[in-house]
C-alpha atoms as a PDB file:
ATOM      1  CA  MET A   1       0.198   0.505  -0.167  1.00  0.00           C
ATOM      2  CA  GLU A   2       1.310   3.064  -1.092  1.00  0.00           C
ATOM      3  CA  GLN A   3       2.402   6.199   1.311  1.00  0.00           C
ATOM      4  CA  GLY A   4      -0.285   8.631   2.494  1.00  0.00           C
ATOM      5  CA  PHE A   5      -3.004   5.689   1.108  1.00  0.00           C
ATOM      6  CA  GLU A   6      -6.365   6.378   4.080  1.00  0.00           C
ATOM      7  CA  LYS A   7      -9.260   4.311   3.128  1.00  0.00           C
ATOM      8  CA  ALA A   8     -12.416   5.964   3.011  1.00  0.00           C
ATOM      9  CA  ALA A   9     -14.370   5.489   6.324  1.00  0.00           C
ATOM     10  CA  THR A  10     -17.686   4.320   5.872  1.00  0.00           C
ATOM     11  CA  GLY A  11     -19.380   2.524   2.480  1.00  0.00           C
ATOM     12  CA  MET A  12     -22.831   1.043   2.061  1.00  0.00           C
ATOM     13  CA  ILE A  13     -24.333  -1.738  -0.296  1.00  0.00           C
ATOM     14  CA  LEU A  14     -27.900  -2.767  -0.647  1.00  0.00           C
ATOM     15  CA  GLY A  15     -29.537  -5.191  -2.520  1.00  0.00           C
ATOM     16  CA  LYS A  16     -31.982  -8.204  -2.876  1.00  0.00           C
ATOM     17  CA  PHE A  17     -28.897 -10.913  -3.442  1.00  0.00           C
ATOM     18  CA  MET A  18     -31.702 -13.370  -4.697  1.00  0.00           C
ATOM     19  CA  PRO A  19     -29.605 -15.138  -4.776  1.00  0.00           C
ATOM     20  CA  PRO A  20     -25.963 -13.764  -3.640  1.00  0.00           C
ATOM     21  CA  HIS A  21     -23.628 -15.133  -6.579  1.00  0.00           C
ATOM     22  CA  LEU A  22     -19.668 -14.171  -7.416  1.00  0.00           C
ATOM     23  CA  GLY A  23     -20.129 -10.712  -9.121  1.00  0.00           C
ATOM     24  CA  HIS A  24     -21.785  -9.987  -5.600  1.00  0.00           C
ATOM     25  CA  GLN A  25     -18.650 -11.427  -3.724  1.00  0.00           C
ATOM     26  CA  TYR A  26     -16.507  -8.927  -6.151  1.00  0.00           C
ATOM     27  CA  LEU A  27     -18.453  -6.525  -5.242  1.00  0.00           C
ATOM     28  CA  VAL A  28     -17.946  -6.502  -1.181  1.00  0.00           C
ATOM     29  CA  ASP A  29     -14.893  -7.447  -2.257  1.00  0.00           C
ATOM     30  CA  PHE A  30     -14.027  -4.404  -3.778  1.00  0.00           C
ATOM     31  CA  ALA A  31     -16.407  -2.139  -1.123  1.00  0.00           C
ATOM     32  CA  ARG A  32     -14.250  -3.681   1.826  1.00  0.00           C
ATOM     33  CA  ASN A  33     -11.306  -2.525   0.049  1.00  0.00           C
ATOM     34  CA  TYR A  34     -11.913   0.935  -0.037  1.00  0.00           C
ATOM     35  CA  VAL A  35     -13.349   1.777   2.777  1.00  0.00           C
ATOM     36  CA  ASN A  36     -12.348   0.975   7.048  1.00  0.00           C
ATOM     37  CA  HIS A  37     -16.358  -0.385   7.978  1.00  0.00           C
ATOM     38  CA  LEU A  38     -18.813  -1.314   5.109  1.00  0.00           C
ATOM     39  CA  THR A  39     -22.555  -2.494   5.941  1.00  0.00           C
ATOM     40  CA  VAL A  40     -24.452  -4.171   3.674  1.00  0.00           C
ATOM     41  CA  LEU A  41     -28.062  -3.649   3.641  1.00  0.00           C
ATOM     42  CA  VAL A  42     -30.424  -7.435   2.598  1.00  0.00           C
ATOM     43  CA  CYS A  43     -33.643  -6.391   1.778  1.00  0.00           C
ATOM     44  CA  SER A  44     -36.275  -8.481   1.000  1.00  0.00           C
ATOM     45  CA  ILE A  45     -40.363  -8.689   0.666  1.00  0.00           C
ATOM     46  CA  LYS A  46     -42.273 -11.869   1.727  1.00  0.00           C
ATOM     47  CA  SER A  47     -43.729 -12.262  -1.590  1.00  0.00           C
ATOM     48  CA  GLU A  48     -40.037 -12.217  -3.111  1.00  0.00           C
ATOM     49  CA  SER A  49     -39.419 -16.037  -5.041  1.00  0.00           C
ATOM     50  CA  ILE A  50     -36.214 -17.164  -2.589  1.00  0.00           C
ATOM     51  CA  PRO A  51     -36.595 -15.966   1.232  1.00  0.00           C
ATOM     52  CA  GLY A  52     -35.475 -13.791   2.962  1.00  0.00           C
ATOM     53  CA  HIS A  53     -33.697 -15.043   5.589  1.00  0.00           C
ATOM     54  CA  LEU A  54     -31.464 -17.547   3.048  1.00  0.00           C
ATOM     55  CA  ARG A  55     -29.673 -14.121   2.002  1.00  0.00           C
ATOM     56  CA  TYR A  56     -29.475 -13.030   4.794  1.00  0.00           C
ATOM     57  CA  GLY A  57     -28.123 -15.736   6.506  1.00  0.00           C
ATOM     58  CA  TRP A  58     -26.213 -16.700   3.255  1.00  0.00           C
ATOM     59  CA  MET A  59     -23.963 -13.284   2.848  1.00  0.00           C
ATOM     60  CA  ARG A  60     -23.587 -13.246   6.140  1.00  0.00           C
ATOM     61  CA  GLU A  61     -22.000 -16.797   6.085  1.00  0.00           C
ATOM     62  CA  MET A  62     -20.199 -15.301   3.048  1.00  0.00           C
ATOM     63  CA  PHE A  63     -18.735 -12.416   4.877  1.00  0.00           C
ATOM     64  CA  PRO A  64     -18.333 -12.453   8.198  1.00  0.00           C
ATOM     65  CA  ASP A  65     -15.869  -9.305   9.169  1.00  0.00           C
ATOM     66  CA  VAL A  66     -18.984  -6.527   7.529  1.00  0.00           C
ATOM     67  CA  ASP A  67     -22.079  -6.229   9.215  1.00  0.00           C
ATOM     68  CA  VAL A  68     -24.330  -7.672   7.282  1.00  0.00           C
ATOM     69  CA  VAL A  69     -27.745  -6.364   7.532  1.00  0.00           C
ATOM     70  CA  HIS A  70     -31.476  -7.292   6.998  1.00  0.00           C
ATOM     71  CA  VAL A  71     -34.790  -5.179   5.930  1.00  0.00           C
ATOM     72  CA  THR A  72     -37.670  -6.047   5.861  1.00  0.00           C
ATOM     73  CA  ASP A  73     -38.975  -3.041   5.323  1.00  0.00           C
ATOM     74  CA  GLU A  74     -42.323  -3.705   2.625  1.00  0.00           C
ATOM     75  CA  ASN A  75     -40.930  -1.029   0.952  1.00  0.00           C
ATOM     76  CA  PRO A  76     -42.031   0.334  -3.461  1.00  0.00           C
ATOM     77  CA  GLN A  77     -39.177  -2.013  -5.843  1.00  0.00           C
ATOM     78  CA  GLU A  78     -39.382   0.807  -8.715  1.00  0.00           C
ATOM     79  CA  PRO A  79     -39.577   4.407  -8.176  1.00  0.00           C
ATOM     80  CA  LYS A  80     -43.083   4.036 -11.069  1.00  0.00           C
ATOM     81  CA  GLU A  81     -44.483   2.078  -7.858  1.00  0.00           C
ATOM     82  CA  HIS A  82     -44.648   5.373  -5.646  1.00  0.00           C
ATOM     83  CA  PRO A  83     -44.217   9.013  -6.202  1.00  0.00           C
ATOM     84  CA  ASP A  84     -42.231   9.222  -2.645  1.00  0.00           C
ATOM     85  CA  PHE A  85     -39.923   5.897  -3.531  1.00  0.00           C
ATOM     86  CA  TRP A  86     -36.899   7.530  -3.358  1.00  0.00           C
ATOM     87  CA  GLN A  87     -38.227   8.729   0.274  1.00  0.00           C
ATOM     88  CA  ILE A  88     -39.596   5.875   1.711  1.00  0.00           C
ATOM     89  CA  TRP A  89     -35.777   4.197   0.932  1.00  0.00           C
ATOM     90  CA  HIS A  90     -33.798   6.917   2.005  1.00  0.00           C
ATOM     91  CA  ASP A  91     -36.342   6.513   5.648  1.00  0.00           C
ATOM     92  CA  THR A  92     -35.481   3.396   5.550  1.00  0.00           C
ATOM     93  CA  ILE A  93     -31.936   3.076   4.849  1.00  0.00           C
ATOM     94  CA  ARG A  94     -31.008   6.252   7.742  1.00  0.00           C
ATOM     95  CA  ARG A  95     -33.016   3.742   9.860  1.00  0.00           C
ATOM     96  CA  VAL A  96     -29.928   1.571  10.426  1.00  0.00           C
ATOM     97  CA  LEU A  97     -27.460   4.124   9.216  1.00  0.00           C
ATOM     98  CA  PRO A  98     -28.336   7.328  10.813  1.00  0.00           C
ATOM     99  CA  THR A  99     -25.745   8.855  10.318  1.00  0.00           C
ATOM    100  CA  GLY A 100     -25.562   7.632   6.509  1.00  0.00           C
ATOM    101  CA  PRO A 101     -22.271   6.276   4.933  1.00  0.00           C
ATOM    102  CA  ASN A 102     -18.861   8.149   3.674  1.00  0.00           C
ATOM    103  CA  CYS A 103     -19.685   6.539   0.317  1.00  0.00           C
ATOM    104  CA  VAL A 104     -22.059   3.817  -1.510  1.00  0.00           C
ATOM    105  CA  PHE A 105     -21.093   0.834  -4.085  1.00  0.00           C
ATOM    106  CA  ALA A 106     -23.304  -0.376  -7.043  1.00  0.00           C
ATOM    107  CA  SER A 107     -23.019  -2.344  -9.971  1.00  0.00           C
ATOM    108  CA  GLU A 108     -26.286  -0.473 -10.959  1.00  0.00           C
ATOM    109  CA  ASP A 109     -27.520   3.287 -12.528  1.00  0.00           C
ATOM    110  CA  TYR A 110     -30.109   3.272  -9.189  1.00  0.00           C
ATOM    111  CA  GLY A 111     -26.663   3.121  -7.702  1.00  0.00           C
ATOM    112  CA  TRP A 112     -25.919   6.913  -8.625  1.00  0.00           C
ATOM    113  CA  LYS A 113     -29.394   8.388  -7.065  1.00  0.00           C
ATOM    114  CA  LEU A 114     -29.353   6.334  -3.953  1.00  0.00           C
ATOM    115  CA  ALA A 115     -25.820   8.013  -3.013  1.00  0.00           C
ATOM    116  CA  GLU A 116     -27.151  11.604  -3.971  1.00  0.00           C
ATOM    117  CA  ILE A 117     -30.840  11.344  -1.691  1.00  0.00           C
ATOM    118  CA  LEU A 118     -27.676  10.178   1.377  1.00  0.00           C
ATOM    119  CA  GLY A 119     -25.057  11.912   0.436  1.00  0.00           C
ATOM    120  CA  ALA A 120     -23.054  10.116  -0.252  1.00  0.00           C
ATOM    121  CA  ASN A 121     -20.635   9.212  -2.970  1.00  0.00           C
ATOM    122  CA  TYR A 122     -21.248   6.892  -5.781  1.00  0.00           C
ATOM    123  CA  ILE A 123     -18.789   4.545  -6.452  1.00  0.00           C
ATOM    124  CA  PRO A 124     -19.667   2.608  -9.601  1.00  0.00           C
ATOM    125  CA  VAL A 125     -18.471  -1.218  -9.107  1.00  0.00           C
ATOM    126  CA  ASP A 126     -18.436  -3.254 -12.990  1.00  0.00           C
ATOM    127  CA  HIS A 127     -22.052  -1.569 -14.275  1.00  0.00           C
ATOM    128  CA  ALA A 128     -20.722  -3.747 -17.344  1.00  0.00           C
ATOM    129  CA  ARG A 129     -20.626  -6.004 -15.759  1.00  0.00           C
ATOM    130  CA  SER A 130     -17.197  -7.532 -17.939  1.00  0.00           C
ATOM    131  CA  LEU A 131     -15.618  -8.508 -15.241  1.00  0.00           C
ATOM    132  CA  VAL A 132     -18.215 -11.214 -13.487  1.00  0.00           C
ATOM    133  CA  PRO A 133     -20.678 -11.234 -16.263  1.00  0.00           C
ATOM    134  CA  ILE A 134     -23.399 -13.305 -13.955  1.00  0.00           C
ATOM    135  CA  SER A 135     -26.802 -11.406 -12.674  1.00  0.00           C
ATOM    136  CA  ALA A 136     -28.599 -12.744 -10.482  1.00  0.00           C
ATOM    137  CA  THR A 137     -31.669 -13.518 -12.557  1.00  0.00           C
ATOM    138  CA  LYS A 138     -29.837 -15.664 -14.811  1.00  0.00           C
ATOM    139  CA  VAL A 139     -29.529 -17.708 -11.408  1.00  0.00           C
ATOM    140  CA  ARG A 140     -32.732 -17.531 -10.699  1.00  0.00           C
ATOM    141  CA  GLN A 141     -33.294 -19.102 -14.674  1.00  0.00           C
ATOM    142  CA  ASN A 142     -30.747 -21.449 -14.889  1.00  0.00           C
ATOM    143  CA  ALA A 143     -28.593 -22.315 -12.027  1.00  0.00           C
ATOM    144  CA  ILE A 144     -27.399 -25.163 -13.437  1.00  0.00           C
ATOM    145  CA  ALA A 145     -26.138 -23.426 -16.149  1.00  0.00           C
ATOM    146  CA  HIS A 146     -23.759 -20.693 -14.151  1.00  0.00           C
ATOM    147  CA  TRP A 147     -23.174 -23.716 -11.504  1.00  0.00           C
ATOM    148  CA  HIS A 148     -19.461 -21.673 -11.599  1.00  0.00           C
ATOM    149  CA  TYR A 149     -21.139 -18.242 -10.157  1.00  0.00           C
ATOM    150  CA  ILE A 150     -22.667 -19.735  -7.655  1.00  0.00           C
ATOM    151  CA  PRO A 151     -21.302 -19.805  -4.103  1.00  0.00           C
ATOM    152  CA  PRO A 152     -20.567 -22.739  -2.268  1.00  0.00           C
ATOM    153  CA  CYS A 153     -22.936 -22.176   0.481  1.00  0.00           C
ATOM    154  CA  VAL A 154     -25.533 -21.094  -1.696  1.00  0.00           C
ATOM    155  CA  ARG A 155     -25.368 -24.585  -4.245  1.00  0.00           C
ATOM    156  CA  PRO A 156     -27.410 -26.724  -1.939  1.00  0.00           C
ATOM    157  CA  TYR A 157     -30.747 -24.185  -2.383  1.00  0.00           C
ATOM    158  CA  PHE A 158     -29.935 -25.466  -6.373  1.00  0.00           C
ATOM    159  CA  LEU A 159     -28.688 -28.692  -6.386  1.00  0.00           C
ATOM    160  CA  ARG A 160     -31.238 -31.165  -8.113  1.00  0.00           C
ATOM    161  CA  ARG A 161     -30.894 -34.128  -5.376  1.00  0.00           C
ATOM    162  CA  VAL A 162     -31.908 -38.421  -6.980  1.00  0.00           C
ATOM    163  CA  CYS A 163     -32.451 -40.437  -4.060  1.00  0.00           C
ATOM    164  CA  ILE A 164     -31.995 -44.029  -5.189  1.00  0.00           C
ATOM    165  CA  PHE A 165     -35.020 -46.085  -3.680  1.00  0.00           C
ATOM    166  CA  GLY A 166     -36.468 -49.684  -3.905  1.00  0.00           C
ATOM    167  CA  PRO A 167     -35.563 -52.799  -2.226  1.00  0.00           C
ATOM    168  CA  GLU A 168     -32.966 -54.797  -0.490  1.00  0.00           C
ATOM    169  CA  SER A 169     -29.674 -56.466  -3.058  1.00  0.00           C
ATOM    170  CA  THR A 170     -31.081 -54.060  -5.975  1.00  0.00           C
ATOM    171  CA  GLY A 171     -28.246 -52.626  -6.726  1.00  0.00           C
ATOM    172  CA  LYS A 172     -28.766 -48.721  -5.200  1.00  0.00           C
ATOM    173  CA  SER A 173     -25.241 -48.184  -4.166  1.00  0.00           C
ATOM    174  CA  THR A 174     -23.584 -49.709  -6.948  1.00  0.00           C
ATOM    175  CA  LEU A 175     -25.789 -47.150  -9.122  1.00  0.00           C
ATOM    176  CA  ALA A 176     -25.179 -44.369  -6.864  1.00  0.00           C
ATOM    177  CA  GLN A 177     -21.809 -44.667  -7.051  1.00  0.00           C
ATOM    178  CA  ASN A 178     -21.469 -44.435 -10.687  1.00  0.00           C
ATOM    179  CA  LEU A 179     -23.912 -42.254 -11.130  1.00  0.00           C
ATOM    180  CA  ALA A 180     -21.617 -39.555  -9.213  1.00  0.00           C
ATOM    181  CA  ALA A 181     -18.884 -40.613 -10.505  1.00  0.00           C
ATOM    182  CA  HIS A 182     -20.758 -40.258 -14.451  1.00  0.00           C
ATOM    183  CA  TYR A 183     -21.791 -36.568 -13.149  1.00  0.00           C
ATOM    184  CA  ASN A 184     -18.669 -36.106 -11.686  1.00  0.00           C
ATOM    185  CA  THR A 185     -20.474 -34.740  -8.321  1.00  0.00           C
ATOM    186  CA  VAL A 186     -20.361 -37.276  -4.601  1.00  0.00           C
ATOM    187  CA  TYR A 187     -22.989 -39.165  -3.492  1.00  0.00           C
ATOM    188  CA  VAL A 188     -23.903 -39.791  -0.077  1.00  0.00           C
ATOM    189  CA  SER A 189     -23.964 -43.693   1.193  1.00  0.00           C
ATOM    190  CA  GLU A 190     -26.191 -45.113   3.192  1.00  0.00           C
ATOM    191  CA  TYR A 191     -25.912 -44.204   6.808  1.00  0.00           C
ATOM    192  CA  ALA A 192     -27.328 -47.165   8.010  1.00  0.00           C
ATOM    193  CA  ARG A 193     -25.133 -49.515   6.830  1.00  0.00           C
ATOM    194  CA  GLY A 194     -21.627 -48.034   9.304  1.00  0.00           C
ATOM    195  CA  LEU A 195     -23.917 -47.872  12.086  1.00  0.00           C
ATOM    196  CA  LEU A 196     -24.704 -51.767  11.887  1.00  0.00           C
ATOM    197  CA  ASP A 197     -21.828 -53.286  10.163  1.00  0.00           C
ATOM    198  CA  PRO A 198     -20.363 -53.804  14.070  1.00  0.00           C
ATOM    199  CA  LYS A 199     -23.766 -55.058  15.290  1.00  0.00           C
ATOM    200  CA  ASP A 200     -23.487 -58.120  12.499  1.00  0.00           C
ATOM    201  CA  GLY A 201     -26.252 -56.016  10.677  1.00  0.00           C
ATOM    202  CA  ARG A 202     -29.153 -56.211  13.287  1.00  0.00           C
ATOM    203  CA  CYS A 203     -31.691 -53.318  13.945  1.00  0.00           C
ATOM    204  CA  ASP A 204     -32.966 -52.561  17.101  1.00  0.00           C
ATOM    205  CA  PHE A 205     -35.495 -49.776  17.752  1.00  0.00           C
ATOM    206  CA  GLU A 206     -33.110 -47.875  19.059  1.00  0.00           C
ATOM    207  CA  ASP A 207     -30.994 -47.076  15.683  1.00  0.00           C
ATOM    208  CA  ILE A 208     -34.001 -45.895  13.936  1.00  0.00           C
ATOM    209  CA  GLU A 209     -33.865 -42.541  15.323  1.00  0.00           C
ATOM    210  CA  LEU A 210     -29.436 -42.790  15.083  1.00  0.00           C
ATOM    211  CA  ILE A 211     -29.881 -43.705  11.727  1.00  0.00           C
ATOM    212  CA  ALA A 212     -32.316 -40.545  10.809  1.00  0.00           C
ATOM    213  CA  ARG A 213     -30.022 -38.074  12.491  1.00  0.00           C
ATOM    214  CA  GLY A 214     -26.675 -40.035  10.697  1.00  0.00           C
ATOM    215  CA  GLN A 215     -28.603 -39.781   7.104  1.00  0.00           C
ATOM    216  CA  ILE A 216     -29.827 -36.032   7.358  1.00  0.00           C
ATOM    217  CA  ALA A 217     -26.173 -35.316   9.032  1.00  0.00           C
ATOM    218  CA  SER A 218     -23.828 -36.553   5.799  1.00  0.00           C
ATOM    219  CA  GLU A 219     -26.387 -35.674   3.269  1.00  0.00           C
ATOM    220  CA  ASP A 220     -25.840 -32.133   4.484  1.00  0.00           C
ATOM    221  CA  ALA A 221     -22.418 -32.132   4.292  1.00  0.00           C
ATOM    222  CA  LEU A 222     -22.261 -33.230   1.260  1.00  0.00           C
ATOM    223  CA  ALA A 223     -25.044 -31.172  -0.434  1.00  0.00           C
ATOM    224  CA  ARG A 224     -22.151 -28.268  -0.635  1.00  0.00           C
ATOM    225  CA  GLN A 225     -19.646 -30.597  -2.438  1.00  0.00           C
ATOM    226  CA  ALA A 226     -21.570 -31.448  -5.196  1.00  0.00           C
ATOM    227  CA  ASN A 227     -21.864 -30.264  -8.288  1.00  0.00           C
ATOM    228  CA  ARG A 228     -25.103 -29.522  -9.892  1.00  0.00           C
ATOM    229  CA  VAL A 229     -26.648 -32.858  -9.082  1.00  0.00           C
ATOM    230  CA  MET A 230     -26.117 -34.985  -5.394  1.00  0.00           C
ATOM    231  CA  PHE A 231     -27.563 -38.968  -5.489  1.00  0.00           C
ATOM    232  CA  CYS A 232     -28.912 -40.358  -2.519  1.00  0.00           C
ATOM    233  CA  ASP A 233     -28.678 -43.929  -1.282  1.00  0.00           C
ATOM    234  CA  THR A 234     -31.497 -43.726   0.343  1.00  0.00           C
ATOM    235  CA  ASP A 235     -33.815 -41.284   2.389  1.00  0.00           C
ATOM    236  CA  LEU A 236     -36.043 -41.391   5.223  1.00  0.00           C
ATOM    237  CA  ILE A 237     -38.954 -42.782   3.424  1.00  0.00           C
ATOM    238  CA  THR A 238     -37.078 -45.707   3.710  1.00  0.00           C
ATOM    239  CA  THR A 239     -35.813 -45.657   6.886  1.00  0.00           C
ATOM    240  CA  THR A 240     -39.645 -44.749   8.143  1.00  0.00           C
ATOM    241  CA  ILE A 241     -40.721 -48.417   5.837  1.00  0.00           C
ATOM    242  CA  TRP A 242     -38.227 -50.086   7.212  1.00  0.00           C
ATOM    243  CA  SER A 243     -39.368 -49.150  11.360  1.00  0.00           C
ATOM    244  CA  ASP A 244     -42.489 -50.013   9.745  1.00  0.00           C
ATOM    245  CA  VAL A 245     -41.869 -53.512   8.387  1.00  0.00           C
ATOM    246  CA  LEU A 246     -38.901 -54.231  11.577  1.00  0.00           C
ATOM    247  CA  PHE A 247     -40.780 -52.709  14.545  1.00  0.00           C
ATOM    248  CA  GLY A 248     -44.483 -51.687  13.825  1.00  0.00           C
ATOM    249  CA  LYS A 249     -44.042 -48.395  14.345  1.00  0.00           C
ATOM    250  CA  CYS A 250     -41.638 -44.606  13.759  1.00  0.00           C
ATOM    251  CA  PRO A 251     -40.607 -42.194  15.562  1.00  0.00           C
ATOM    252  CA  GLN A 252     -43.706 -39.261  14.602  1.00  0.00           C
ATOM    253  CA  TRP A 253     -40.054 -36.683  13.959  1.00  0.00           C
ATOM    254  CA  ILE A 254     -38.699 -38.642  11.253  1.00  0.00           C
ATOM    255  CA  ASP A 255     -42.098 -38.704   9.495  1.00  0.00           C
ATOM    256  CA  GLN A 256     -42.403 -35.414   9.708  1.00  0.00           C
ATOM    257  CA  GLN A 257     -38.813 -34.449   8.203  1.00  0.00           C
ATOM    258  CA  ALA A 258     -39.327 -37.292   5.337  1.00  0.00           C
ATOM    259  CA  GLU A 259     -42.371 -34.877   4.346  1.00  0.00           C
ATOM    260  CA  GLN A 260     -39.693 -32.075   4.473  1.00  0.00           C
ATOM    261  CA  ARG A 261     -36.919 -32.769   3.191  1.00  0.00           C
ATOM    262  CA  GLN A 262     -37.018 -33.183  -0.842  1.00  0.00           C
ATOM    263  CA  TYR A 263     -35.490 -34.732  -4.095  1.00  0.00           C
ATOM    264  CA  ASP A 264     -36.525 -33.875  -7.209  1.00  0.00           C
ATOM    265  CA  LEU A 265     -36.066 -37.604  -8.582  1.00  0.00           C
ATOM    266  CA  TYR A 266     -36.662 -41.261  -6.967  1.00  0.00           C
ATOM    267  CA  LEU A 267     -35.048 -44.117  -9.015  1.00  0.00           C
ATOM    268  CA  VAL A 268     -36.681 -47.139  -7.681  1.00  0.00           C
ATOM    269  CA  LEU A 269     -34.998 -50.175  -8.580  1.00  0.00           C
ATOM    270  CA  ASP A 270     -37.233 -53.145 -10.144  1.00  0.00           C
ATOM    271  CA  VAL A 271     -36.481 -56.661  -8.344  1.00  0.00           C
ATOM    272  CA  ASP A 272     -35.055 -58.236 -11.636  1.00  0.00           C
ATOM    273  CA  VAL A 273     -32.022 -58.830 -10.896  1.00  0.00           C
ATOM    274  CA  PRO A 274     -30.940 -61.442  -8.639  1.00  0.00           C
ATOM    275  CA  TRP A 275     -30.850 -61.604  -4.621  1.00  0.00           C
ATOM    276  CA  VAL A 276     -26.908 -61.407  -3.442  1.00  0.00           C
ATOM    277  CA  ASP A 277     -27.213 -62.109   0.716  1.00  0.00           C
ATOM    278  CA  ASP A 278     -25.103 -60.048   3.526  1.00  0.00           C
ATOM    279  CA  ASN A 279     -26.141 -60.352   6.865  1.00  0.00           C
ATOM    280  CA  GLN A 280     -27.633 -56.410   6.738  1.00  0.00           C
ATOM    281  CA  ARG A 281     -30.012 -56.829   3.835  1.00  0.00           C
ATOM    282  CA  TYR A 282     -34.089 -57.787   5.751  1.00  0.00           C
ATOM    283  CA  LEU A 283     -36.799 -60.360   3.484  1.00  0.00           C
ATOM    284  CA  PRO A 284     -35.391 -61.542   0.552  1.00  0.00           C
ATOM    285  CA  HIS A 285     -39.191 -63.483  -0.451  1.00  0.00           C
ATOM    286  CA  LEU A 286     -40.788 -59.575  -0.061  1.00  0.00           C
ATOM    287  CA  ARG A 287     -39.250 -57.877  -2.828  1.00  0.00           C
ATOM    288  CA  LYS A 288     -41.789 -56.884  -4.596  1.00  0.00           C
ATOM    289  CA  GLU A 289     -44.334 -56.076  -1.858  1.00  0.00           C
ATOM    290  CA  PHE A 290     -41.650 -53.971  -0.482  1.00  0.00           C
ATOM    291  CA  ARG A 291     -40.685 -52.467  -3.468  1.00  0.00           C
ATOM    292  CA  ASP A 292     -44.912 -52.111  -3.941  1.00  0.00           C
ATOM    293  CA  ARG A 293     -44.608 -50.400  -0.739  1.00  0.00           C
ATOM    294  CA  CYS A 294     -41.750 -48.082  -2.093  1.00  0.00           C
ATOM    295  CA  ILE A 295     -43.589 -47.304  -4.219  1.00  0.00           C
ATOM    296  CA  GLN A 296     -47.188 -46.455  -2.807  1.00  0.00           C
ATOM    297  CA  GLU A 297     -45.394 -44.515  -0.716  1.00  0.00           C
ATOM    298  CA  LEU A 298     -43.511 -42.179  -2.829  1.00  0.00           C
ATOM    299  CA  LYS A 299     -47.396 -41.873  -5.198  1.00  0.00           C
ATOM    300  CA  SER A 300     -48.803 -40.576  -1.471  1.00  0.00           C
ATOM    301  CA  ARG A 301     -46.100 -38.384  -1.050  1.00  0.00           C
ATOM    302  CA  ASN A 302     -46.579 -36.425  -4.579  1.00  0.00           C
ATOM    303  CA  ARG A 303     -43.084 -37.361  -5.430  1.00  0.00           C
ATOM    304  CA  ARG A 304     -41.460 -38.081  -8.885  1.00  0.00           C
ATOM    305  CA  TYR A 305     -40.247 -41.179  -9.564  1.00  0.00           C
ATOM    306  CA  VAL A 306     -38.981 -43.863 -12.936  1.00  0.00           C
ATOM    307  CA  LEU A 307     -39.253 -47.288 -12.369  1.00  0.00           C
ATOM    308  CA  ILE A 308     -35.537 -48.206 -13.468  1.00  0.00           C
ATOM    309  CA  SER A 309     -34.963 -52.203 -14.351  1.00  0.00           C
ATOM    310  CA  GLY A 310     -33.901 -54.621 -17.004  1.00  0.00           C
ATOM    311  CA  SER A 311     -29.377 -55.254 -17.146  1.00  0.00           C
ATOM    312  CA  TRP A 312     -26.783 -53.065 -14.548  1.00  0.00           C
ATOM    313  CA  GLU A 313     -25.792 -51.248 -18.034  1.00  0.00           C
ATOM    314  CA  GLU A 314     -29.569 -50.908 -18.806  1.00  0.00           C
ATOM    315  CA  ARG A 315     -30.260 -49.427 -15.481  1.00  0.00           C
ATOM    316  CA  PHE A 316     -27.160 -47.304 -15.771  1.00  0.00           C
ATOM    317  CA  HIS A 317     -28.406 -46.108 -19.097  1.00  0.00           C
ATOM    318  CA  LYS A 318     -32.549 -45.661 -18.423  1.00  0.00           C
ATOM    319  CA  ALA A 319     -31.529 -43.867 -15.099  1.00  0.00           C
ATOM    320  CA  CYS A 320     -28.424 -41.723 -16.734  1.00  0.00           C
ATOM    321  CA  ALA A 321     -31.671 -40.586 -19.143  1.00  0.00           C
ATOM    322  CA  ALA A 322     -33.855 -39.953 -16.388  1.00  0.00           C
ATOM    323  CA  VAL A 323     -31.384 -37.560 -14.054  1.00  0.00           C
ATOM    324  CA  ASN A 324     -30.502 -35.846 -17.711  1.00  0.00           C
ATOM    325  CA  GLU A 325     -34.312 -34.446 -17.851  1.00  0.00           C
ATOM    326  CA  ILE A 326     -34.035 -32.461 -14.683  1.00  0.00           C
ATOM    327  CA  ILE A 327     -30.380 -31.032 -14.686  1.00  0.00           C
ATOM    328  CA  HIS A 328     -31.745 -29.794 -18.619  1.00  0.00           C
ATOM    329  CA  SER A 329     -35.679 -29.083 -17.614  1.00  0.00           C
END
């Protein structure tokens, strides 16, 4: 840094960040290198497609050393919506920053007027979007195509999730691994297997909650590492089915979580392949009945699914075709 250089005292950025992207990353990094203290206002209204509390949380995680404030005033979004548009926004900002900022940073033309009404200097940052050619609109329209512009903490929101579903000994784990390799992404293995192996495969009712919690934790941890799509060897619907089959009951919270946790696609594996025994596989004589139960559960919950049958090679190609549909839709 050259001798005599002195940063401006305070700066402000205002935006929806719907969602945050690498253009916003550059904007905030620019501003915090320009001023000593930066405030970022994450502005949201109830009708917007991405909840404001998520955007606020993402921005706080991305910029822990910046003063990030969530503004939830139901203000007009365009000057044409209200004759007092600029005064309304002036009052909102002054409530958060009573003395106002020295500098306003933005990548859009509204920055000039915003700085004017606040009595601040306007510092334009990449108006042409030539340095980071992305916008939140483009991300919302096709997040998969613009994946490399989405910060890791935001990616799970747009991630396509595929659950490999169905009876025992139908190749679920192998298919999950092969699909993950094909799509250059990660897969979530079955947490129950590692938990029950030391018990020679024996499952007690007390294990059901441990299995569910472990599956949730594993999936949520791996979601940030996934590349556009993530493959899950199982899900909580499967846990509820097995709990009911083995014990005639299931903890209520697991069923509630199974309903809340959504997947873009279920690949239900058919039973037209030979049974291979191991110490954690149950009910070899009831595979068809279990498959039918799985399909009924998906139908009752209005989940999208495809039944995958045939040879191992045919299953892989059918699965890829189904996955491609959700990735490119």
